C-alpha cells in the first residue's frame, strides 16, 4: 500500500532525528524520490498536509491523526 504524504514526511523526520522545515523535508523527499507529487507546487501541498496532521495548531480541516508538532521557529517534529 502506498504511503500518504504525511506518512512519508514522518519517515523523513524520524530518519533525521531533528525538527525540520517543510522545505527541508520536501528536499529530502524529492532527492530520494520517496513520493510522486502530481501537483505543480508540491512543497505547498506537503506543508498543507503536514499542518493538517499537526497537534499544536488548529486548521479548518484538521485530521484525526496528528503526528507532528510545530516548534516555535516553524519547524516540524514528530509528536
PDB file of N, CA and C in Angstrom:
ATOM      1  N   UNK A   1       0.842  -1.187   0.000  1.00  0.00           N
ATOM      2  CA  UNK A   1       0.000   0.000   0.000  1.00  0.00           C
ATOM      3  C   UNK A   1       0.885   1.248   0.000  1.00  0.00           C
ATOM      4  N   UNK A   2       0.523   2.193  -0.840  1.00  0.00           N
ATOM      5  CA  UNK A   2       1.281   3.431  -0.960  1.00  0.00           C
ATOM      6  C   UNK A   2       1.080   4.305   0.278  1.00  0.00           C
ATOM      7  N   UNK A   3       2.166   4.890   0.758  1.00  0.00           N
ATOM      8  CA  UNK A   3       2.082   5.772   1.929  1.00  0.00           C
ATOM      9  C   UNK A   3       1.520   7.128   1.527  1.00  0.00           C
ATOM     10  N   UNK A   4       0.858   7.768   2.480  1.00  0.00           N
ATOM     11  CA  UNK A   4       0.347   9.120   2.255  1.00  0.00           C
ATOM     12  C   UNK A   4       1.490  10.125   2.419  1.00  0.00           C
ATOM     13  N   UNK A   5       1.233  11.351   1.999  1.00  0.00           N
ATOM     14  CA  UNK A   5       2.255  12.396   2.072  1.00  0.00           C
ATOM     15  C   UNK A   5       2.731  12.586   3.507  1.00  0.00           C
ATOM     16  N   UNK A   6       1.797  12.654   4.454  1.00  0.00           N
ATOM     17  CA  UNK A   6       2.218  12.916   5.835  1.00  0.00           C
ATOM     18  C   UNK A   6       2.991  11.733   6.416  1.00  0.00           C
ATOM     19  N   UNK A   7       2.704  10.525   5.965  1.00  0.00           N
ATOM     20  CA  UNK A   7       3.457   9.363   6.444  1.00  0.00           C
ATOM     21  C   UNK A   7       4.898   9.390   5.932  1.00  0.00           C
ATOM     22  N   UNK A   8       5.070   9.782   4.687  1.00  0.00           N
ATOM     23  CA  UNK A   8       6.418   9.899   4.122  1.00  0.00           C
ATOM     24  C   UNK A   8       7.187  10.999   4.853  1.00  0.00           C
ATOM     25  N   UNK A   9       6.528  12.118   5.127  1.00  0.00           N
ATOM     26  CA  UNK A   9       7.168  13.211   5.869  1.00  0.00           C
ATOM     27  C   UNK A   9       7.581  12.747   7.261  1.00  0.00           C
ATOM     28  N   UNK A  10       6.737  11.969   7.916  1.00  0.00           N
ATOM     29  CA  UNK A  10       7.068  11.439   9.242  1.00  0.00           C
ATOM     30  C   UNK A  10       8.287  10.523   9.167  1.00  0.00           C
ATOM     31  N   UNK A  11       8.379   9.724   8.115  1.00  0.00           N
ATOM     32  CA  UNK A  11       9.549   8.856   7.928  1.00  0.00           C
ATOM     33  C   UNK A  11      10.828   9.680   7.793  1.00  0.00           C
ATOM     34  N   UNK A  12      10.746  10.784   7.049  1.00  0.00           N
ATOM     35  CA  UNK A  12      11.909  11.665   6.864  1.00  0.00           C
ATOM     36  C   UNK A  12      12.327  12.269   8.204  1.00  0.00           C
ATOM     37  N   UNK A  13      11.354  12.751   8.972  1.00  0.00           N
ATOM     38  CA  UNK A  13      11.661  13.329  10.285  1.00  0.00           C
ATOM     39  C   UNK A  13      12.270  12.289  11.223  1.00  0.00           C
ATOM     40  N   UNK A  14      11.739  11.103  11.199  1.00  0.00           N
ATOM     41  CA  UNK A  14      12.258  10.035  12.062  1.00  0.00           C
ATOM     42  C   UNK A  14      13.708   9.728  11.703  1.00  0.00           C
ATOM     43  N   UNK A  15      14.001   9.647  10.416  1.00  0.00           N
ATOM     44  CA  UNK A  15      15.361   9.354   9.962  1.00  0.00           C
ATOM     45  C   UNK A  15      16.334  10.478  10.307  1.00  0.00           C
ATOM     46  N   UNK A  16      15.853  11.728  10.251  1.00  0.00           N
ATOM     47  CA  UNK A  16      16.738  12.866  10.529  1.00  0.00           C
ATOM     48  C   UNK A  16      17.026  13.009  12.017  1.00  0.00           C
ATOM     49  N   UNK A  17      16.041  12.666  12.844  1.00  0.00           N
ATOM     50  CA  UNK A  17      16.215  12.776  14.284  1.00  0.00           C
ATOM     51  C   UNK A  17      16.181  14.195  14.819  1.00  0.00           C
ATOM     52  N   UNK A  18      15.733  15.140  13.982  1.00  0.00           N
ATOM     53  CA  UNK A  18      15.673  16.541  14.418  1.00  0.00           C
ATOM     54  C   UNK A  18      14.518  17.245  13.717  1.00  0.00           C
ATOM     55  N   UNK A  19      14.018  18.340  14.290  1.00  0.00           N
ATOM     56  CA  UNK A  19      12.959  19.111  13.625  1.00  0.00           C
ATOM     57  C   UNK A  19      13.448  19.672  12.291  1.00  0.00           C
ATOM     58  N   UNK A  20      12.541  19.763  11.342  1.00  0.00           N
ATOM     59  CA  UNK A  20      12.873  20.261  10.005  1.00  0.00           C
ATOM     60  C   UNK A  20      11.742  21.140   9.488  1.00  0.00           C
ATOM     61  N   UNK A  21      12.073  22.042   8.574  1.00  0.00           N
ATOM     62  CA  UNK A  21      11.048  22.837   7.901  1.00  0.00           C
ATOM     63  C   UNK A  21      10.404  21.985   6.806  1.00  0.00           C
ATOM     64  N   UNK A  22       9.259  22.421   6.342  1.00  0.00           N
ATOM     65  CA  UNK A  22       8.603  21.718   5.239  1.00  0.00           C
ATOM     66  C   UNK A  22       9.501  21.717   4.003  1.00  0.00           C
ATOM     67  N   UNK A  23      10.219  22.814   3.768  1.00  0.00           N
ATOM     68  CA  UNK A  23      11.125  22.891   2.616  1.00  0.00           C
ATOM     69  C   UNK A  23      12.243  21.858   2.723  1.00  0.00           C
ATOM     70  N   UNK A  24      12.792  21.696   3.918  1.00  0.00           N
ATOM     71  CA  UNK A  24      13.852  20.704   4.126  1.00  0.00           C
ATOM     72  C   UNK A  24      13.321  19.284   3.924  1.00  0.00           C
ATOM     73  N   UNK A  25      12.134  19.036   4.440  1.00  0.00           N
ATOM     74  CA  UNK A  25      11.521  17.711   4.284  1.00  0.00           C
ATOM     75  C   UNK A  25      11.234  17.448   2.812  1.00  0.00           C
ATOM     76  N   UNK A  26      10.705  18.447   2.122  1.00  0.00           N
ATOM     77  CA  UNK A  26      10.421  18.290   0.696  1.00  0.00           C
ATOM     78  C   UNK A  26      11.702  17.989  -0.082  1.00  0.00           C
ATOM     79  N   UNK A  27      12.782  18.673   0.246  1.00  0.00           N
ATOM     80  CA  UNK A  27      14.052  18.451  -0.457  1.00  0.00           C
ATOM     81  C   UNK A  27      14.502  16.994  -0.336  1.00  0.00           C
ATOM     82  N   UNK A  28      14.366  16.421   0.844  1.00  0.00           N
ATOM     83  CA  UNK A  28      14.743  15.015   1.053  1.00  0.00           C
ATOM     84  C   UNK A  28      13.819  14.094   0.255  1.00  0.00           C
ATOM     85  N   UNK A  29      12.523  14.361   0.314  1.00  0.00           N
ATOM     86  CA  UNK A  29      11.556  13.533  -0.416  1.00  0.00           C
ATOM     87  C   UNK A  29      11.850  13.563  -1.912  1.00  0.00           C
ATOM     88  N   UNK A  30      12.104  14.757  -2.451  1.00  0.00           N
ATOM     89  CA  UNK A  30      12.373  14.894  -3.882  1.00  0.00           C
ATOM     90  C   UNK A  30      13.698  14.234  -4.263  1.00  0.00           C
ATOM     91  N   UNK A  31      14.733  14.464  -3.459  1.00  0.00           N
ATOM     92  CA  UNK A  31      16.060  13.915  -3.755  1.00  0.00           C
ATOM     93  C   UNK A  31      16.046  12.382  -3.769  1.00  0.00           C
ATOM     94  N   UNK A  32      15.337  11.804  -2.819  1.00  0.00           N
ATOM     95  CA  UNK A  32      15.310  10.342  -2.697  1.00  0.00           C
ATOM     96  C   UNK A  32      14.118   9.703  -3.411  1.00  0.00           C
ATOM     97  N   UNK A  33      13.313  10.552  -4.079  1.00  0.00           N
ATOM     98  CA  UNK A  33      12.136  10.094  -4.817  1.00  0.00           C
ATOM     99  C   UNK A  33      11.243   9.204  -3.950  1.00  0.00           C
ATOM    100  N   UNK A  34      10.913   9.715  -2.757  1.00  0.00           N
ATOM    101  CA  UNK A  34      10.117   8.953  -1.800  1.00  0.00           C
ATOM    102  C   UNK A  34       8.615   9.041  -2.056  1.00  0.00           C
ATOM    103  N   UNK A  35       8.207  10.050  -2.821  1.00  0.00           N
ATOM    104  CA  UNK A  35       6.781  10.247  -3.094  1.00  0.00           C
ATOM    105  C   UNK A  35       6.643  10.939  -4.438  1.00  0.00           C
ATOM    106  N   UNK A  36       5.647  10.549  -5.217  1.00  0.00           N
ATOM    107  CA  UNK A  36       5.405  11.188  -6.505  1.00  0.00           C
ATOM    108  C   UNK A  36       4.281  12.206  -6.359  1.00  0.00           C
ATOM    109  N   UNK A  37       4.655  13.476  -6.396  1.00  0.00           N
ATOM    110  CA  UNK A  37       3.675  14.556  -6.308  1.00  0.00           C
ATOM    111  C   UNK A  37       3.110  14.826  -7.694  1.00  0.00           C
ATOM    112  N   UNK A  38       1.818  15.011  -7.764  1.00  0.00           N
ATOM    113  CA  UNK A  38       1.190  15.318  -9.046  1.00  0.00           C
ATOM    114  C   UNK A  38       0.877  16.814  -9.171  1.00  0.00           C
ATOM    115  N   UNK A  39       1.023  17.544  -8.093  1.00  0.00           N
ATOM    116  CA  UNK A  39       0.722  18.980  -8.070  1.00  0.00           C
ATOM    117  C   UNK A  39       1.906  19.790  -8.588  1.00  0.00           C
ATOM    118  N   UNK A  40       1.617  20.983  -9.108  1.00  0.00           N
ATOM    119  CA  UNK A  40       2.684  21.868  -9.576  1.00  0.00           C
ATOM    120  C   UNK A  40       3.512  22.394  -8.412  1.00  0.00           C
ATOM    121  N   UNK A  41       2.843  22.793  -7.332  1.00  0.00           N
ATOM    122  CA  UNK A  41       3.544  23.335  -6.173  1.00  0.00           C
ATOM    123  C   UNK A  41       3.565  22.276  -5.069  1.00  0.00           C
ATOM    124  N   UNK A  42       4.401  21.289  -5.256  1.00  0.00           N
ATOM    125  CA  UNK A  42       4.440  20.130  -4.362  1.00  0.00           C
ATOM    126  C   UNK A  42       4.814  20.505  -2.932  1.00  0.00           C
ATOM    127  N   UNK A  43       5.719  21.451  -2.770  1.00  0.00           N
ATOM    128  CA  UNK A  43       6.128  21.845  -1.418  1.00  0.00           C
ATOM    129  C   UNK A  43       4.951  22.438  -0.639  1.00  0.00           C
ATOM    130  N   UNK A  44       4.122  23.201  -1.310  1.00  0.00           N
ATOM    131  CA  UNK A  44       2.937  23.781  -0.675  1.00  0.00           C
ATOM    132  C   UNK A  44       1.944  22.688  -0.266  1.00  0.00           C
ATOM    133  N   UNK A  45       1.776  21.689  -1.108  1.00  0.00           N
ATOM    134  CA  UNK A  45       0.893  20.562  -0.793  1.00  0.00           C
ATOM    135  C   UNK A  45       1.425  19.817   0.425  1.00  0.00           C
ATOM    136  N   UNK A  46       2.725  19.578   0.449  1.00  0.00           N
ATOM    137  CA  UNK A  46       3.342  18.899   1.590  1.00  0.00           C
ATOM    138  C   UNK A  46       3.100  19.684   2.873  1.00  0.00           C
ATOM    139  N   UNK A  47       3.381  20.987   2.851  1.00  0.00           N
ATOM    140  CA  UNK A  47       3.197  21.831   4.034  1.00  0.00           C
ATOM    141  C   UNK A  47       1.743  21.793   4.512  1.00  0.00           C
ATOM    142  N   UNK A  48       0.818  21.888   3.588  1.00  0.00           N
ATOM    143  CA  UNK A  48      -0.605  21.861   3.927  1.00  0.00           C
ATOM    144  C   UNK A  48      -0.997  20.536   4.581  1.00  0.00           C
ATOM    145  N   UNK A  49      -0.551  19.439   4.023  1.00  0.00           N
ATOM    146  CA  UNK A  49      -0.873  18.128   4.586  1.00  0.00           C
ATOM    147  C   UNK A  49      -0.230  17.931   5.955  1.00  0.00           C
ATOM    148  N   UNK A  50       0.971  18.437   6.113  1.00  0.00           N
ATOM    149  CA  UNK A  50       1.633  18.327   7.412  1.00  0.00           C
ATOM    150  C   UNK A  50       0.894  19.153   8.461  1.00  0.00           C
ATOM    151  N   UNK A  51       0.460  20.351   8.095  1.00  0.00           N
ATOM    152  CA  UNK A  51      -0.273  21.198   9.041  1.00  0.00           C
ATOM    153  C   UNK A  51      -1.590  20.532   9.456  1.00  0.00           C
ATOM    154  N   UNK A  52      -2.254  19.841   8.534  1.00  0.00           N
ATOM    155  CA  UNK A  52      -3.492  19.114   8.868  1.00  0.00           C
ATOM    156  C   UNK A  52      -3.242  18.060   9.934  1.00  0.00           C
ATOM    157  N   UNK A  53      -2.029  17.518   9.972  1.00  0.00           N
ATOM    158  CA  UNK A  53      -1.681  16.435  10.896  1.00  0.00           C
ATOM    159  C   UNK A  53      -0.789  16.923  12.037  1.00  0.00           C
ATOM    160  N   UNK A  54      -0.881  18.222  12.350  1.00  0.00           N
ATOM    161  CA  UNK A  54      -0.063  18.809  13.411  1.00  0.00           C
ATOM    162  C   UNK A  54      -0.914  19.056  14.649  1.00  0.00           C
ATOM    163  N   UNK A  55      -0.412  18.636  15.768  1.00  0.00           N
ATOM    164  CA  UNK A  55      -1.154  18.633  17.036  1.00  0.00           C
ATOM    165  C   UNK A  55      -1.380  20.031  17.617  1.00  0.00           C
ATOM    166  N   UNK A  56      -0.381  20.886  17.619  1.00  0.00           N
ATOM    167  CA  UNK A  56      -0.483  22.131  18.376  1.00  0.00           C
ATOM    168  C   UNK A  56      -0.912  23.346  17.545  1.00  0.00           C
ATOM    169  N   UNK A  57      -1.548  23.115  16.417  1.00  0.00           N
ATOM    170  CA  UNK A  57      -2.168  24.202  15.654  1.00  0.00           C
ATOM    171  C   UNK A  57      -3.572  23.751  15.264  1.00  0.00           C
ATOM    172  N   UNK A  58      -4.418  24.703  14.916  1.00  0.00           N
ATOM    173  CA  UNK A  58      -5.779  24.377  14.513  1.00  0.00           C
ATOM    174  C   UNK A  58      -5.991  24.847  13.085  1.00  0.00           C
ATOM    175  N   UNK A  59      -6.435  23.949  12.245  1.00  0.00           N
ATOM    176  CA  UNK A  59      -6.787  24.288  10.869  1.00  0.00           C
ATOM    177  C   UNK A  59      -8.209  23.803  10.618  1.00  0.00           C
ATOM    178  N   UNK A  60      -8.844  24.359   9.609  1.00  0.00           N
ATOM    179  CA  UNK A  60     -10.250  24.053   9.342  1.00  0.00           C
ATOM    180  C   UNK A  60     -10.490  22.569   9.082  1.00  0.00           C
ATOM    181  N   UNK A  61      -9.587  21.939   8.378  1.00  0.00           N
ATOM    182  CA  UNK A  61      -9.774  20.529   8.025  1.00  0.00           C
ATOM    183  C   UNK A  61      -8.795  19.630   8.789  1.00  0.00           C
ATOM    184  N   UNK A  62      -8.700  19.852  10.089  1.00  0.00           N
ATOM    185  CA  UNK A  62      -7.774  19.108  10.962  1.00  0.00           C
ATOM    186  C   UNK A  62      -8.009  17.600  10.851  1.00  0.00           C
ATOM    187  N   UNK A  63      -6.941  16.853  10.703  1.00  0.00           N
ATOM    188  CA  UNK A  63      -7.028  15.393  10.645  1.00  0.00           C
ATOM    189  C   UNK A  63      -7.174  14.821  12.050  1.00  0.00           C
ATOM    190  N   UNK A  64      -7.757  13.647  12.139  1.00  0.00           N
ATOM    191  CA  UNK A  64      -7.894  12.988  13.441  1.00  0.00           C
ATOM    192  C   UNK A  64      -6.554  12.463  13.930  1.00  0.00           C
ATOM    193  N   UNK A  65      -5.719  12.036  12.990  1.00  0.00           N
ATOM    194  CA  UNK A  65      -4.400  11.501  13.329  1.00  0.00           C
ATOM    195  C   UNK A  65      -3.360  12.623  13.257  1.00  0.00           C
ATOM    196  N   UNK A  66      -2.926  13.117  14.404  1.00  0.00           N
ATOM    197  CA  UNK A  66      -1.920  14.177  14.443  1.00  0.00           C
ATOM    198  C   UNK A  66      -0.572  13.567  14.815  1.00  0.00           C
ATOM    199  N   UNK A  67       0.362  13.640  13.896  1.00  0.00           N
ATOM    200  CA  UNK A  67       1.666  13.004  14.106  1.00  0.00           C
ATOM    201  C   UNK A  67       2.806  14.005  14.248  1.00  0.00           C
ATOM    202  N   UNK A  68       2.512  15.297  14.050  1.00  0.00           N
ATOM    203  CA  UNK A  68       3.546  16.326  14.124  1.00  0.00           C
ATOM    204  C   UNK A  68       3.223  17.355  15.199  1.00  0.00           C
ATOM    205  N   UNK A  69       4.248  18.069  15.622  1.00  0.00           N
ATOM    206  CA  UNK A  69       4.089  19.298  16.390  1.00  0.00           C
ATOM    207  C   UNK A  69       4.899  20.357  15.664  1.00  0.00           C
ATOM    208  N   UNK A  70       4.523  21.612  15.850  1.00  0.00           N
ATOM    209  CA  UNK A  70       5.220  22.726  15.223  1.00  0.00           C
ATOM    210  C   UNK A  70       6.022  23.446  16.292  1.00  0.00           C
ATOM    211  N   UNK A  71       7.321  23.612  16.048  1.00  0.00           N
ATOM    212  CA  UNK A  71       8.178  24.288  17.019  1.00  0.00           C
ATOM    213  C   UNK A  71       8.004  25.797  16.900  1.00  0.00           C
ATOM    214  N   UNK A  72       8.517  26.530  17.874  1.00  0.00           N
ATOM    215  CA  UNK A  72       8.394  27.991  17.873  1.00  0.00           C
ATOM    216  C   UNK A  72       9.058  28.631  16.662  1.00  0.00           C
ATOM    217  N   UNK A  73      10.067  27.972  16.105  1.00  0.00           N
ATOM    218  CA  UNK A  73      10.759  28.540  14.943  1.00  0.00           C
ATOM    219  C   UNK A  73      10.207  28.012  13.611  1.00  0.00           C
ATOM    220  N   UNK A  74       9.025  27.371  13.651  1.00  0.00           N
ATOM    221  CA  UNK A  74       8.358  26.962  12.424  1.00  0.00           C
ATOM    222  C   UNK A  74       8.810  25.637  11.841  1.00  0.00           C
ATOM    223  N   UNK A  75       9.500  24.842  12.618  1.00  0.00           N
ATOM    224  CA  UNK A  75       9.937  23.522  12.156  1.00  0.00           C
ATOM    225  C   UNK A  75       8.968  22.460  12.660  1.00  0.00           C
ATOM    226  N   UNK A  76       8.873  21.398  11.905  1.00  0.00           N
ATOM    227  CA  UNK A  76       8.019  20.279  12.288  1.00  0.00           C
ATOM    228  C   UNK A  76       8.849  19.233  13.014  1.00  0.00           C
ATOM    229  N   UNK A  77       8.238  18.616  14.020  1.00  0.00           N
ATOM    230  CA  UNK A  77       8.865  17.484  14.700  1.00  0.00           C
ATOM    231  C   UNK A  77       7.792  16.425  14.907  1.00  0.00           C
ATOM    232  N   UNK A  78       8.215  15.219  15.235  1.00  0.00           N
ATOM    233  CA  UNK A  78       7.251  14.154  15.498  1.00  0.00           C
ATOM    234  C   UNK A  78       6.584  14.391  16.839  1.00  0.00           C
ATOM    235  N   UNK A  79       5.291  14.147  16.902  1.00  0.00           N
ATOM    236  CA  UNK A  79       4.531  14.356  18.144  1.00  0.00           C
ATOM    237  C   UNK A  79       4.862  13.276  19.156  1.00  0.00           C
TER     238      UNK A  79
END
